[in-house]
Amino acid sequence: MAEKVVKIWIQGAGVVGDIVGWSWSGQGRVYKNPEAFYHVPFELCYVPEDLAGAYTANDFFELSLEQPEIAEEMFQSVEWEHPETWLDEQFRMGELAICPVCGHIRQSYVGLMCPYCRETNCEVTS
């Protein structure tokens, strides 16, 4: 079967580019480029199924409040949706939370102490 070529507006670059390499994620067809995510942070690494956005590693980093481990988890976890949707769902389900003391995103199930500020008696908010 021939590779599907999709024309998409590359955000910020002001150009229309060809994207090849669409694959089935189990939930939908997406473009995901781990090489770009891990080694070229300003290059396109993810396009969700609806083609309504294009993301670089820098975009994932910004969405995660500049926390590399959250950005990586988000990139590895998105299967068809926008990263913002995935992040909102993690907060809603109680998987991720924001520490009210230091403002970092953290995994809620990793114990009661915030791994960043080491505060032990803070109520975690989402």
PDB file of N, CA and C in Angstrom:
ATOM      1  N   MET A   1       0.841  -1.170   0.000  1.00  0.00           N
ATOM      2  CA  MET A   1       0.000   0.000   0.000  1.00  0.00           C
ATOM      3  C   MET A   1       0.895   1.245   0.000  1.00  0.00           C
ATOM      4  N   ALA A   2       0.527   2.242  -0.782  1.00  0.00           N
ATOM      5  CA  ALA A   2       1.305   3.474  -0.868  1.00  0.00           C
ATOM      6  C   ALA A   2       1.176   4.271   0.420  1.00  0.00           C
ATOM      7  N   GLU A   3       2.235   4.987   0.758  1.00  0.00           N
ATOM      8  CA  GLU A   3       2.247   5.837   1.953  1.00  0.00           C
ATOM      9  C   GLU A   3       1.277   6.994   1.745  1.00  0.00           C
ATOM     10  N   LYS A   4       0.474   7.277   2.728  1.00  0.00           N
ATOM     11  CA  LYS A   4      -0.466   8.389   2.656  1.00  0.00           C
ATOM     12  C   LYS A   4       0.303   9.695   2.848  1.00  0.00           C
ATOM     13  N   VAL A   5       0.112  10.630   1.947  1.00  0.00           N
ATOM     14  CA  VAL A   5       0.743  11.942   2.045  1.00  0.00           C
ATOM     15  C   VAL A   5      -0.346  12.950   2.381  1.00  0.00           C
ATOM     16  N   VAL A   6      -0.119  13.725   3.406  1.00  0.00           N
ATOM     17  CA  VAL A   6      -1.082  14.728   3.844  1.00  0.00           C
ATOM     18  C   VAL A   6      -0.397  16.086   3.794  1.00  0.00           C
ATOM     19  N   LYS A   7      -1.087  17.062   3.238  1.00  0.00           N
ATOM     20  CA  LYS A   7      -0.582  18.440   3.239  1.00  0.00           C
ATOM     21  C   LYS A   7      -1.112  19.103   4.498  1.00  0.00           C
ATOM     22  N   ILE A   8      -0.244  19.764   5.243  1.00  0.00           N
ATOM     23  CA  ILE A   8      -0.668  20.425   6.476  1.00  0.00           C
ATOM     24  C   ILE A   8       0.079  21.740   6.629  1.00  0.00           C
ATOM     25  N   TRP A   9      -0.594  22.686   7.191  1.00  0.00           N
ATOM     26  CA  TRP A   9       0.010  23.982   7.504  1.00  0.00           C
ATOM     27  C   TRP A   9       0.907  23.782   8.715  1.00  0.00           C
ATOM     28  N   ILE A  10       2.181  24.057   8.587  1.00  0.00           N
ATOM     29  CA  ILE A  10       3.121  23.903   9.685  1.00  0.00           C
ATOM     30  C   ILE A  10       3.080  25.187  10.513  1.00  0.00           C
ATOM     31  N   GLN A  11       2.609  25.073  11.744  1.00  0.00           N
ATOM     32  CA  GLN A  11       2.447  26.236  12.609  1.00  0.00           C
ATOM     33  C   GLN A  11       3.786  26.945  12.802  1.00  0.00           C
ATOM     34  N   GLY A  12       3.745  28.249  12.752  1.00  0.00           N
ATOM     35  CA  GLY A  12       4.926  29.043  13.028  1.00  0.00           C
ATOM     36  C   GLY A  12       5.866  29.160  11.840  1.00  0.00           C
ATOM     37  N   ALA A  13       5.892  28.150  10.970  1.00  0.00           N
ATOM     38  CA  ALA A  13       6.807  28.192   9.846  1.00  0.00           C
ATOM     39  C   ALA A  13       6.199  28.930   8.653  1.00  0.00           C
ATOM     40  N   GLY A  14       4.863  29.022   8.621  1.00  0.00           N
ATOM     41  CA  GLY A  14       4.209  29.720   7.534  1.00  0.00           C
ATOM     42  C   GLY A  14       4.299  28.999   6.206  1.00  0.00           C
ATOM     43  N   VAL A  15       4.459  27.676   6.240  1.00  0.00           N
ATOM     44  CA  VAL A  15       4.561  26.908   5.003  1.00  0.00           C
ATOM     45  C   VAL A  15       3.610  25.720   5.062  1.00  0.00           C
ATOM     46  N   VAL A  16       3.300  25.220   3.885  1.00  0.00           N
ATOM     47  CA  VAL A  16       2.547  23.975   3.797  1.00  0.00           C
ATOM     48  C   VAL A  16       3.557  22.877   3.545  1.00  0.00           C
ATOM     49  N   GLY A  17       3.514  21.842   4.358  1.00  0.00           N
ATOM     50  CA  GLY A  17       4.477  20.763   4.206  1.00  0.00           C
ATOM     51  C   GLY A  17       3.785  19.433   3.980  1.00  0.00           C
ATOM     52  N   ASP A  18       4.509  18.512   3.395  1.00  0.00           N
ATOM     53  CA  ASP A  18       4.006  17.156   3.216  1.00  0.00           C
ATOM     54  C   ASP A  18       4.383  16.346   4.444  1.00  0.00           C
ATOM     55  N   ILE A  19       3.435  15.577   4.946  1.00  0.00           N
ATOM     56  CA  ILE A  19       3.718  14.682   6.056  1.00  0.00           C
ATOM     57  C   ILE A  19       3.465  13.269   5.564  1.00  0.00           C
ATOM     58  N   VAL A  20       4.466  12.434   5.697  1.00  0.00           N
ATOM     59  CA  VAL A  20       4.292  11.016   5.402  1.00  0.00           C
ATOM     60  C   VAL A  20       4.556  10.261   6.695  1.00  0.00           C
ATOM     61  N   GLY A  21       4.167   9.035   6.742  1.00  0.00           N
ATOM     62  CA  GLY A  21       4.440   8.251   7.938  1.00  0.00           C
ATOM     63  C   GLY A  21       3.265   8.167   8.876  1.00  0.00           C
ATOM     64  N   TRP A  22       2.067   8.401   8.385  1.00  0.00           N
ATOM     65  CA  TRP A  22       0.884   8.245   9.217  1.00  0.00           C
ATOM     66  C   TRP A  22       0.760   6.789   9.611  1.00  0.00           C
ATOM     67  N   SER A  23       0.393   6.545  10.833  1.00  0.00           N
ATOM     68  CA  SER A  23       0.249   5.163  11.281  1.00  0.00           C
ATOM     69  C   SER A  23      -0.973   5.035  12.178  1.00  0.00           C
ATOM     70  N   TRP A  24      -1.418   3.808  12.334  1.00  0.00           N
ATOM     71  CA  TRP A  24      -2.552   3.504  13.197  1.00  0.00           C
ATOM     72  C   TRP A  24      -2.043   3.388  14.621  1.00  0.00           C
ATOM     73  N   SER A  25      -2.653   4.110  15.552  1.00  0.00           N
ATOM     74  CA  SER A  25      -2.188   4.117  16.942  1.00  0.00           C
ATOM     75  C   SER A  25      -3.007   3.200  17.835  1.00  0.00           C
ATOM     76  N   GLY A  26      -4.024   2.572  17.282  1.00  0.00           N
ATOM     77  CA  GLY A  26      -4.940   1.799  18.110  1.00  0.00           C
ATOM     78  C   GLY A  26      -6.209   2.584  18.385  1.00  0.00           C
ATOM     79  N   GLN A  27      -6.126   3.895  18.263  1.00  0.00           N
ATOM     80  CA  GLN A  27      -7.277   4.766  18.468  1.00  0.00           C
ATOM     81  C   GLN A  27      -7.602   5.573  17.206  1.00  0.00           C
ATOM     82  N   GLY A  28      -6.616   5.801  16.381  1.00  0.00           N
ATOM     83  CA  GLY A  28      -6.813   6.598  15.174  1.00  0.00           C
ATOM     84  C   GLY A  28      -5.507   6.711  14.410  1.00  0.00           C
ATOM     85  N   ARG A  29      -5.541   7.405  13.279  1.00  0.00           N
ATOM     86  CA  ARG A  29      -4.337   7.593  12.470  1.00  0.00           C
ATOM     87  C   ARG A  29      -3.652   8.885  12.902  1.00  0.00           C
ATOM     88  N   VAL A  30      -2.372   8.791  13.181  1.00  0.00           N
ATOM     89  CA  VAL A  30      -1.597   9.941  13.634  1.00  0.00           C
ATOM     90  C   VAL A  30      -0.226   9.932  12.976  1.00  0.00           C
ATOM     91  N   TYR A  31       0.422  11.082  13.067  1.00  0.00           N
ATOM     92  CA  TYR A  31       1.834  11.178  12.712  1.00  0.00           C
ATOM     93  C   TYR A  31       2.593  11.351  14.013  1.00  0.00           C
ATOM     94  N   LYS A  32       3.551  10.474  14.264  1.00  0.00           N
ATOM     95  CA  LYS A  32       4.364  10.555  15.474  1.00  0.00           C
ATOM     96  C   LYS A  32       5.803  10.270  15.093  1.00  0.00           C
ATOM     97  N   ASN A  33       6.705  11.181  15.474  1.00  0.00           N
ATOM     98  CA  ASN A  33       8.110  11.047  15.116  1.00  0.00           C
ATOM     99  C   ASN A  33       8.969  11.133  16.375  1.00  0.00           C
ATOM    100  N   PRO A  34       9.280   9.993  17.014  1.00  0.00           N
ATOM    101  CA  PRO A  34      10.097  10.000  18.232  1.00  0.00           C
ATOM    102  C   PRO A  34      11.496  10.595  18.019  1.00  0.00           C
ATOM    103  N   GLU A  35      12.061  10.382  16.853  1.00  0.00           N
ATOM    104  CA  GLU A  35      13.394  10.933  16.559  1.00  0.00           C
ATOM    105  C   GLU A  35      13.370  12.459  16.695  1.00  0.00           C
ATOM    106  N   ALA A  36      12.342  13.089  16.136  1.00  0.00           N
ATOM    107  CA  ALA A  36      12.215  14.544  16.245  1.00  0.00           C
ATOM    108  C   ALA A  36      11.954  14.954  17.688  1.00  0.00           C
ATOM    109  N   PHE A  37      11.097  14.205  18.392  1.00  0.00           N
ATOM    110  CA  PHE A  37      10.785  14.563  19.773  1.00  0.00           C
ATOM    111  C   PHE A  37      12.038  14.551  20.645  1.00  0.00           C
ATOM    112  N   TYR A  38      12.857  13.524  20.514  1.00  0.00           N
ATOM    113  CA  TYR A  38      14.016  13.370  21.398  1.00  0.00           C
ATOM    114  C   TYR A  38      15.267  14.119  20.940  1.00  0.00           C
ATOM    115  N   HIS A  39      15.371  14.427  19.637  1.00  0.00           N
ATOM    116  CA  HIS A  39      16.641  14.974  19.161  1.00  0.00           C
ATOM    117  C   HIS A  39      16.551  16.317  18.435  1.00  0.00           C
ATOM    118  N   VAL A  40      15.376  16.696  17.944  1.00  0.00           N
ATOM    119  CA  VAL A  40      15.235  17.968  17.224  1.00  0.00           C
ATOM    120  C   VAL A  40      13.976  18.660  17.745  1.00  0.00           C
ATOM    121  N   PRO A  41      14.060  19.320  18.911  1.00  0.00           N
ATOM    122  CA  PRO A  41      12.872  19.808  19.609  1.00  0.00           C
ATOM    123  C   PRO A  41      12.028  20.840  18.857  1.00  0.00           C
ATOM    124  N   PHE A  42      12.555  21.464  17.824  1.00  0.00           N
ATOM    125  CA  PHE A  42      11.787  22.457  17.071  1.00  0.00           C
ATOM    126  C   PHE A  42      11.168  21.859  15.802  1.00  0.00           C
ATOM    127  N   GLU A  43      11.409  20.570  15.549  1.00  0.00           N
ATOM    128  CA  GLU A  43      10.879  19.907  14.363  1.00  0.00           C
ATOM    129  C   GLU A  43       9.554  19.225  14.688  1.00  0.00           C
ATOM    130  N   LEU A  44       8.680  19.144  13.718  1.00  0.00           N
ATOM    131  CA  LEU A  44       7.378  18.516  13.884  1.00  0.00           C
ATOM    132  C   LEU A  44       7.526  17.073  14.364  1.00  0.00           C
ATOM    133  N   CYS A  45       6.834  16.731  15.459  1.00  0.00           N
ATOM    134  CA  CYS A  45       6.928  15.366  15.983  1.00  0.00           C
ATOM    135  C   CYS A  45       5.569  14.703  16.173  1.00  0.00           C
ATOM    136  N   TYR A  46       4.475  15.459  16.152  1.00  0.00           N
ATOM    137  CA  TYR A  46       3.156  14.860  16.374  1.00  0.00           C
ATOM    138  C   TYR A  46       2.077  15.671  15.674  1.00  0.00           C
ATOM    139  N   VAL A  47       1.195  14.946  14.971  1.00  0.00           N
ATOM    140  CA  VAL A  47       0.000  15.549  14.373  1.00  0.00           C
ATOM    141  C   VAL A  47      -1.160  14.634  14.737  1.00  0.00           C
ATOM    142  N   PRO A  48      -2.180  15.168  15.427  1.00  0.00           N
ATOM    143  CA  PRO A  48      -3.326  14.336  15.807  1.00  0.00           C
ATOM    144  C   PRO A  48      -4.189  13.975  14.599  1.00  0.00           C
ATOM    145  N   GLU A  49      -5.077  13.048  14.830  1.00  0.00           N
ATOM    146  CA  GLU A  49      -5.924  12.493  13.776  1.00  0.00           C
ATOM    147  C   GLU A  49      -6.708  13.553  13.002  1.00  0.00           C
ATOM    148  N   ASP A  50      -7.196  14.592  13.682  1.00  0.00           N
ATOM    149  CA  ASP A  50      -8.056  15.571  13.003  1.00  0.00           C
ATOM    150  C   ASP A  50      -7.286  16.621  12.199  1.00  0.00           C
ATOM    151  N   LEU A  51      -5.964  16.556  12.209  1.00  0.00           N
ATOM    152  CA  LEU A  51      -5.103  17.478  11.458  1.00  0.00           C
ATOM    153  C   LEU A  51      -5.252  18.928  11.873  1.00  0.00           C
ATOM    154  N   ALA A  52      -5.857  19.184  13.027  1.00  0.00           N
ATOM    155  CA  ALA A  52      -6.118  20.556  13.459  1.00  0.00           C
ATOM    156  C   ALA A  52      -4.955  21.162  14.233  1.00  0.00           C
ATOM    157  N   GLY A  53      -3.833  20.501  14.270  1.00  0.00           N
ATOM    158  CA  GLY A  53      -2.675  21.039  14.962  1.00  0.00           C
ATOM    159  C   GLY A  53      -1.449  20.229  14.611  1.00  0.00           C
ATOM    160  N   ALA A  54      -0.303  20.825  14.795  1.00  0.00           N
ATOM    161  CA  ALA A  54       0.972  20.158  14.579  1.00  0.00           C
ATOM    162  C   ALA A  54       1.866  20.555  15.742  1.00  0.00           C
ATOM    163  N   TYR A  55       2.545  19.596  16.330  1.00  0.00           N
ATOM    164  CA  TYR A  55       3.281  19.832  17.571  1.00  0.00           C
ATOM    165  C   TYR A  55       4.748  19.453  17.450  1.00  0.00           C
ATOM    166  N   THR A  56       5.582  20.242  18.100  1.00  0.00           N
ATOM    167  CA  THR A  56       7.005  19.944  18.234  1.00  0.00           C
ATOM    168  C   THR A  56       7.268  19.520  19.680  1.00  0.00           C
ATOM    169  N   ALA A  57       8.462  19.036  19.937  1.00  0.00           N
ATOM    170  CA  ALA A  57       8.830  18.705  21.321  1.00  0.00           C
ATOM    171  C   ALA A  57       8.762  19.957  22.190  1.00  0.00           C
ATOM    172  N   ASN A  58       9.121  21.095  21.634  1.00  0.00           N
ATOM    173  CA  ASN A  58       9.037  22.348  22.392  1.00  0.00           C
ATOM    174  C   ASN A  58       7.594  22.639  22.817  1.00  0.00           C
ATOM    175  N   ASP A  59       6.620  22.302  21.969  1.00  0.00           N
ATOM    176  CA  ASP A  59       5.211  22.494  22.321  1.00  0.00           C
ATOM    177  C   ASP A  59       4.825  21.589  23.493  1.00  0.00           C
ATOM    178  N   PHE A  60       5.257  20.334  23.453  1.00  0.00           N
ATOM    179  CA  PHE A  60       4.979  19.411  24.562  1.00  0.00           C
ATOM    180  C   PHE A  60       5.623  19.928  25.851  1.00  0.00           C
ATOM    181  N   PHE A  61       6.840  20.442  25.729  1.00  0.00           N
ATOM    182  CA  PHE A  61       7.571  20.976  26.880  1.00  0.00           C
ATOM    183  C   PHE A  61       6.824  22.171  27.482  1.00  0.00           C
ATOM    184  N   GLU A  62       6.319  23.049  26.632  1.00  0.00           N
ATOM    185  CA  GLU A  62       5.568  24.217  27.099  1.00  0.00           C
ATOM    186  C   GLU A  62       4.261  23.799  27.781  1.00  0.00           C
ATOM    187  N   LEU A  63       3.547  22.851  27.189  1.00  0.00           N
ATOM    188  CA  LEU A  63       2.287  22.377  27.777  1.00  0.00           C
ATOM    189  C   LEU A  63       2.499  21.722  29.139  1.00  0.00           C
ATOM    190  N   SER A  64       3.671  21.130  29.340  1.00  0.00           N
ATOM    191  CA  SER A  64       3.962  20.431  30.591  1.00  0.00           C
ATOM    192  C   SER A  64       4.593  21.345  31.638  1.00  0.00           C
ATOM    193  N   LEU A  65       4.501  22.644  31.422  1.00  0.00           N
ATOM    194  CA  LEU A  65       5.109  23.635  32.315  1.00  0.00           C
ATOM    195  C   LEU A  65       6.612  23.403  32.451  1.00  0.00           C
ATOM    196  N   GLU A  66       7.225  23.061  31.329  1.00  0.00           N
ATOM    197  CA  GLU A  66       8.670  22.876  31.210  1.00  0.00           C
ATOM    198  C   GLU A  66       9.206  21.734  32.068  1.00  0.00           C
ATOM    199  N   GLN A  67       8.417  20.685  32.183  1.00  0.00           N
ATOM    200  CA  GLN A  67       8.828  19.498  32.930  1.00  0.00           C
ATOM    201  C   GLN A  67       9.044  18.352  31.942  1.00  0.00           C
ATOM    202  N   PRO A  68      10.294  17.984  31.687  1.00  0.00           N
ATOM    203  CA  PRO A  68      10.596  16.991  30.655  1.00  0.00           C
ATOM    204  C   PRO A  68       9.914  15.639  30.863  1.00  0.00           C
ATOM    205  N   GLU A  69       9.805  15.187  32.100  1.00  0.00           N
ATOM    206  CA  GLU A  69       9.208  13.864  32.329  1.00  0.00           C
ATOM    207  C   GLU A  69       7.710  13.869  32.006  1.00  0.00           C
ATOM    208  N   ILE A  70       7.027  14.971  32.247  1.00  0.00           N
ATOM    209  CA  ILE A  70       5.602  15.077  31.906  1.00  0.00           C
ATOM    210  C   ILE A  70       5.455  15.215  30.389  1.00  0.00           C
ATOM    211  N   ALA A  71       6.333  15.997  29.766  1.00  0.00           N
ATOM    212  CA  ALA A  71       6.298  16.152  28.306  1.00  0.00           C
ATOM    213  C   ALA A  71       6.501  14.805  27.621  1.00  0.00           C
ATOM    214  N   GLU A  72       7.441  14.019  28.108  1.00  0.00           N
ATOM    215  CA  GLU A  72       7.703  12.711  27.522  1.00  0.00           C
ATOM    216  C   GLU A  72       6.520  11.767  27.723  1.00  0.00           C
ATOM    217  N   GLU A  73       5.950  11.748  28.914  1.00  0.00           N
ATOM    218  CA  GLU A  73       4.775  10.904  29.170  1.00  0.00           C
ATOM    219  C   GLU A  73       3.622  11.299  28.248  1.00  0.00           C
ATOM    220  N   MET A  74       3.431  12.599  28.061  1.00  0.00           N
ATOM    221  CA  MET A  74       2.366  13.088  27.190  1.00  0.00           C
ATOM    222  C   MET A  74       2.610  12.632  25.746  1.00  0.00           C
ATOM    223  N   PHE A  75       3.838  12.814  25.258  1.00  0.00           N
ATOM    224  CA  PHE A  75       4.160  12.419  23.885  1.00  0.00           C
ATOM    225  C   PHE A  75       3.959  10.921  23.690  1.00  0.00           C
ATOM    226  N   GLN A  76       4.425  10.126  24.626  1.00  0.00           N
ATOM    227  CA  GLN A  76       4.290   8.676  24.502  1.00  0.00           C
ATOM    228  C   GLN A  76       2.832   8.223  24.605  1.00  0.00           C
ATOM    229  N   SER A  77       2.006   8.972  25.308  1.00  0.00           N
ATOM    230  CA  SER A  77       0.632   8.557  25.583  1.00  0.00           C
ATOM    231  C   SER A  77      -0.394   8.992  24.551  1.00  0.00           C
ATOM    232  N   VAL A  78      -0.175  10.120  23.878  1.00  0.00           N
ATOM    233  CA  VAL A  78      -1.184  10.574  22.920  1.00  0.00           C
ATOM    234  C   VAL A  78      -1.298   9.550  21.789  1.00  0.00           C
ATOM    235  N   GLU A  79      -2.548   9.213  21.452  1.00  0.00           N
ATOM    236  CA  GLU A  79      -2.768   8.190  20.429  1.00  0.00           C
ATOM    237  C   GLU A  79      -3.579   8.698  19.245  1.00  0.00           C
ATOM    238  N   TRP A  80      -4.285   9.774  19.404  1.00  0.00           N
ATOM    239  CA  TRP A  80      -5.072  10.368  18.324  1.00  0.00           C
ATOM    240  C   TRP A  80      -5.460  11.792  18.663  1.00  0.00           C
ATOM    241  N   GLU A  81      -5.466  12.094  19.961  1.00  0.00           N
ATOM    242  CA  GLU A  81      -5.992  13.358  20.450  1.00  0.00           C
ATOM    243  C   GLU A  81      -4.914  14.444  20.505  1.00  0.00           C
ATOM    244  N   HIS A  82      -5.363  15.649  20.759  1.00  0.00           N
ATOM    245  CA  HIS A  82      -4.438  16.751  20.980  1.00  0.00           C
ATOM    246  C   HIS A  82      -3.795  16.588  22.352  1.00  0.00           C
ATOM    247  N   PRO A  83      -2.542  16.982  22.517  1.00  0.00           N
ATOM    248  CA  PRO A  83      -1.894  16.882  23.822  1.00  0.00           C
ATOM    249  C   PRO A  83      -2.645  17.633  24.923  1.00  0.00           C
ATOM    250  N   GLU A  84      -3.254  18.765  24.592  1.00  0.00           N
ATOM    251  CA  GLU A  84      -4.022  19.518  25.588  1.00  0.00           C
ATOM    252  C   GLU A  84      -5.191  18.679  26.119  1.00  0.00           C
ATOM    253  N   THR A  85      -5.824  17.925  25.234  1.00  0.00           N
ATOM    254  CA  THR A  85      -6.941  17.062  25.625  1.00  0.00           C
ATOM    255  C   THR A  85      -6.458  15.961  26.558  1.00  0.00           C
ATOM    256  N   TRP A  86      -5.326  15.349  26.206  1.00  0.00           N
ATOM    257  CA  TRP A  86      -4.757  14.295  27.044  1.00  0.00           C
ATOM    258  C   TRP A  86      -4.432  14.846  28.434  1.00  0.00           C
ATOM    259  N   LEU A  87      -3.802  16.018  28.491  1.00  0.00           N
ATOM    260  CA  LEU A  87      -3.413  16.624  29.761  1.00  0.00           C
ATOM    261  C   LEU A  87      -4.642  16.933  30.614  1.00  0.00           C
ATOM    262  N   ASP A  88      -5.667  17.522  30.010  1.00  0.00           N
ATOM    263  CA  ASP A  88      -6.912  17.806  30.735  1.00  0.00           C
ATOM    264  C   ASP A  88      -7.523  16.531  31.312  1.00  0.00           C
ATOM    265  N   GLU A  89      -7.500  15.464  30.525  1.00  0.00           N
ATOM    266  CA  GLU A  89      -8.056  14.195  30.994  1.00  0.00           C
ATOM    267  C   GLU A  89      -7.266  13.637  32.181  1.00  0.00           C
ATOM    268  N   GLN A  90      -5.960  13.782  32.165  1.00  0.00           N
ATOM    269  CA  GLN A  90      -5.135  13.299  33.277  1.00  0.00           C
ATOM    270  C   GLN A  90      -5.451  14.048  34.568  1.00  0.00           C
ATOM    271  N   PHE A  91      -5.685  15.346  34.466  1.00  0.00           N
ATOM    272  CA  PHE A  91      -6.083  16.132  35.641  1.00  0.00           C
ATOM    273  C   PHE A  91      -7.468  15.704  36.127  1.00  0.00           C
ATOM    274  N   ARG A  92      -8.389  15.547  35.187  1.00  0.00           N
ATOM    275  CA  ARG A  92      -9.754  15.172  35.531  1.00  0.00           C
ATOM    276  C   ARG A  92      -9.824  13.790  36.184  1.00  0.00           C
ATOM    277  N   MET A  93      -9.004  12.854  35.728  1.00  0.00           N
ATOM    278  CA  MET A  93      -9.009  11.489  36.258  1.00  0.00           C
ATOM    279  C   MET A  93      -8.187  11.367  37.549  1.00  0.00           C
ATOM    280  N   GLY A  94      -7.467  12.431  37.918  1.00  0.00           N
ATOM    281  CA  GLY A  94      -6.677  12.391  39.140  1.00  0.00           C
ATOM    282  C   GLY A  94      -5.312  11.749  38.981  1.00  0.00           C
ATOM    283  N   GLU A  95      -4.878  11.516  37.750  1.00  0.00           N
ATOM    284  CA  GLU A  95      -3.562  10.937  37.501  1.00  0.00           C
ATOM    285  C   GLU A  95      -2.456  11.987  37.693  1.00  0.00           C
ATOM    286  N   LEU A  96      -2.727  13.208  37.272  1.00  0.00           N
ATOM    287  CA  LEU A  96      -1.787  14.314  37.432  1.00  0.00           C
ATOM    288  C   LEU A  96      -2.441  15.393  38.275  1.00  0.00           C
ATOM    289  N   ALA A  97      -1.604  16.154  38.958  1.00  0.00           N
ATOM    290  CA  ALA A  97      -2.089  17.258  39.787  1.00  0.00           C
ATOM    291  C   ALA A  97      -1.033  18.356  39.791  1.00  0.00           C
ATOM    292  N   ILE A  98      -1.449  19.538  40.220  1.00  0.00           N
ATOM    293  CA  ILE A  98      -0.517  20.656  40.356  1.00  0.00           C
ATOM    294  C   ILE A  98      -0.312  20.913  41.837  1.00  0.00           C
ATOM    295  N   CYS A  99       0.939  20.961  42.256  1.00  0.00           N
ATOM    296  CA  CYS A  99       1.253  21.249  43.654  1.00  0.00           C
ATOM    297  C   CYS A  99       0.935  22.722  43.921  1.00  0.00           C
ATOM    298  N   PRO A 100       0.112  23.010  44.914  1.00  0.00           N
ATOM    299  CA  PRO A 100      -0.244  24.398  45.197  1.00  0.00           C
ATOM    300  C   PRO A 100       0.901  25.195  45.826  1.00  0.00           C
ATOM    301  N   VAL A 101       1.933  24.509  46.284  1.00  0.00           N
ATOM    302  CA  VAL A 101       3.064  25.194  46.901  1.00  0.00           C
ATOM    303  C   VAL A 101       4.054  25.673  45.847  1.00  0.00           C
ATOM    304  N   CYS A 102       4.461  24.777  44.941  1.00  0.00           N
ATOM    305  CA  CYS A 102       5.495  25.152  43.971  1.00  0.00           C
ATOM    306  C   CYS A 102       4.983  25.289  42.535  1.00  0.00           C
ATOM    307  N   GLY A 103       3.756  24.802  42.265  1.00  0.00           N
ATOM    308  CA  GLY A 103       3.171  24.950  40.943  1.00  0.00           C
ATOM    309  C   GLY A 103       3.599  23.930  39.910  1.00  0.00           C
ATOM    310  N   HIS A 104       4.352  22.921  40.289  1.00  0.00           N
ATOM    311  CA  HIS A 104       4.761  21.882  39.345  1.00  0.00           C
ATOM    312  C   HIS A 104       3.639  20.874  39.138  1.00  0.00           C
ATOM    313  N   ILE A 105       3.593  20.328  37.923  1.00  0.00           N
ATOM    314  CA  ILE A 105       2.708  19.199  37.650  1.00  0.00           C
ATOM    315  C   ILE A 105       3.405  17.966  38.197  1.00  0.00           C
ATOM    316  N   ARG A 106       2.632  17.124  38.863  1.00  0.00           N
ATOM    317  CA  ARG A 106       3.228  15.892  39.376  1.00  0.00           C
ATOM    318  C   ARG A 106       2.238  14.753  39.255  1.00  0.00           C
ATOM    319  N   GLN A 107       2.756  13.542  39.277  1.00  0.00           N
ATOM    320  CA  GLN A 107       1.889  12.380  39.278  1.00  0.00           C
ATOM    321  C   GLN A 107       1.277  12.276  40.660  1.00  0.00           C
ATOM    322  N   SER A 108      -0.043  12.144  40.715  1.00  0.00           N
ATOM    323  CA  SER A 108      -0.733  12.164  42.009  1.00  0.00           C
ATOM    324  C   SER A 108      -0.548  10.893  42.817  1.00  0.00           C
ATOM    325  N   TYR A 109      -0.263   9.798  42.170  1.00  0.00           N
ATOM    326  CA  TYR A 109      -0.207   8.517  42.864  1.00  0.00           C
ATOM    327  C   TYR A 109       1.193   8.151  43.339  1.00  0.00           C
ATOM    328  N   VAL A 110       2.135   9.052  43.248  1.00  0.00           N
ATOM    329  CA  VAL A 110       3.515   8.757  43.624  1.00  0.00           C
ATOM    330  C   VAL A 110       3.795   9.132  45.063  1.00  0.00           C
ATOM    331  N   GLY A 111       2.849   9.135  45.908  1.00  0.00           N
ATOM    332  CA  GLY A 111       3.066   9.481  47.304  1.00  0.00           C
ATOM    333  C   GLY A 111       2.546  10.861  47.626  1.00  0.00           C
ATOM    334  N   LEU A 112       2.604  11.191  48.870  1.00  0.00           N
ATOM    335  CA  LEU A 112       2.037  12.448  49.327  1.00  0.00           C
ATOM    336  C   LEU A 112       3.009  13.614  49.262  1.00  0.00           C
ATOM    337  N   MET A 113       4.292  13.335  49.188  1.00  0.00           N
ATOM    338  CA  MET A 113       5.280  14.410  49.152  1.00  0.00           C
ATOM    339  C   MET A 113       5.485  14.887  47.709  1.00  0.00           C
ATOM    340  N   CYS A 114       5.476  16.177  47.528  1.00  0.00           N
ATOM    341  CA  CYS A 114       5.769  16.739  46.217  1.00  0.00           C
ATOM    342  C   CYS A 114       7.254  16.493  45.925  1.00  0.00           C
ATOM    343  N   PRO A 115       7.590  15.891  44.791  1.00  0.00           N
ATOM    344  CA  PRO A 115       8.995  15.609  44.496  1.00  0.00           C
ATOM    345  C   PRO A 115       9.821  16.852  44.174  1.00  0.00           C
ATOM    346  N   TYR A 116       9.181  17.985  43.989  1.00  0.00           N
ATOM    347  CA  TYR A 116       9.899  19.204  43.628  1.00  0.00           C
ATOM    348  C   TYR A 116      10.192  20.086  44.829  1.00  0.00           C
ATOM    349  N   CYS A 117       9.158  20.396  45.613  1.00  0.00           N
ATOM    350  CA  CYS A 117       9.364  21.294  46.754  1.00  0.00           C
ATOM    351  C   CYS A 117       9.495  20.527  48.061  1.00  0.00           C
ATOM    352  N   ARG A 118       9.250  19.221  48.013  1.00  0.00           N
ATOM    353  CA  ARG A 118       9.360  18.338  49.184  1.00  0.00           C
ATOM    354  C   ARG A 118       8.343  18.654  50.276  1.00  0.00           C
ATOM    355  N   GLU A 119       7.313  19.407  49.919  1.00  0.00           N
ATOM    356  CA  GLU A 119       6.255  19.705  50.882  1.00  0.00           C
ATOM    357  C   GLU A 119       5.440  18.440  51.114  1.00  0.00           C
ATOM    358  N   THR A 120       5.215  18.104  52.371  1.00  0.00           N
ATOM    359  CA  THR A 120       4.502  16.873  52.671  1.00  0.00           C
ATOM    360  C   THR A 120       3.049  17.090  53.055  1.00  0.00           C
ATOM    361  N   ASN A 121       2.696  18.279  53.468  1.00  0.00           N
ATOM    362  CA  ASN A 121       1.332  18.510  53.943  1.00  0.00           C
ATOM    363  C   ASN A 121       0.543  19.426  53.019  1.00  0.00           C
ATOM    364  N   CYS A 122       0.805  19.330  51.744  1.00  0.00           N
ATOM    365  CA  CYS A 122       0.053  20.202  50.828  1.00  0.00           C
ATOM    366  C   CYS A 122      -1.090  19.416  50.209  1.00  0.00           C
ATOM    367  N   GLU A 123      -2.221  20.044  50.094  1.00  0.00           N
ATOM    368  CA  GLU A 123      -3.358  19.462  49.393  1.00  0.00           C
ATOM    369  C   GLU A 123      -3.077  19.656  47.909  1.00  0.00           C
ATOM    370  N   VAL A 124      -3.111  18.581  47.164  1.00  0.00           N
ATOM    371  CA  VAL A 124      -2.833  18.653  45.739  1.00  0.00           C
ATOM    372  C   VAL A 124      -4.088  19.070  45.009  1.00  0.00           C
ATOM    373  N   THR A 125      -3.960  20.043  44.114  1.00  0.00           N
ATOM    374  CA  THR A 125      -5.088  20.496  43.323  1.00  0.00           C
ATOM    375  C   THR A 125      -4.860  20.105  41.880  1.00  0.00           C
ATOM    376  N   SER A 126      -5.939  20.052  41.134  1.00  0.00           N
ATOM    377  CA  SER A 126      -5.791  19.728  39.707  1.00  0.00           C
ATOM    378  C   SER A 126      -6.277  20.875  38.863  1.00  0.00           C
TER     379      SER A 126
END
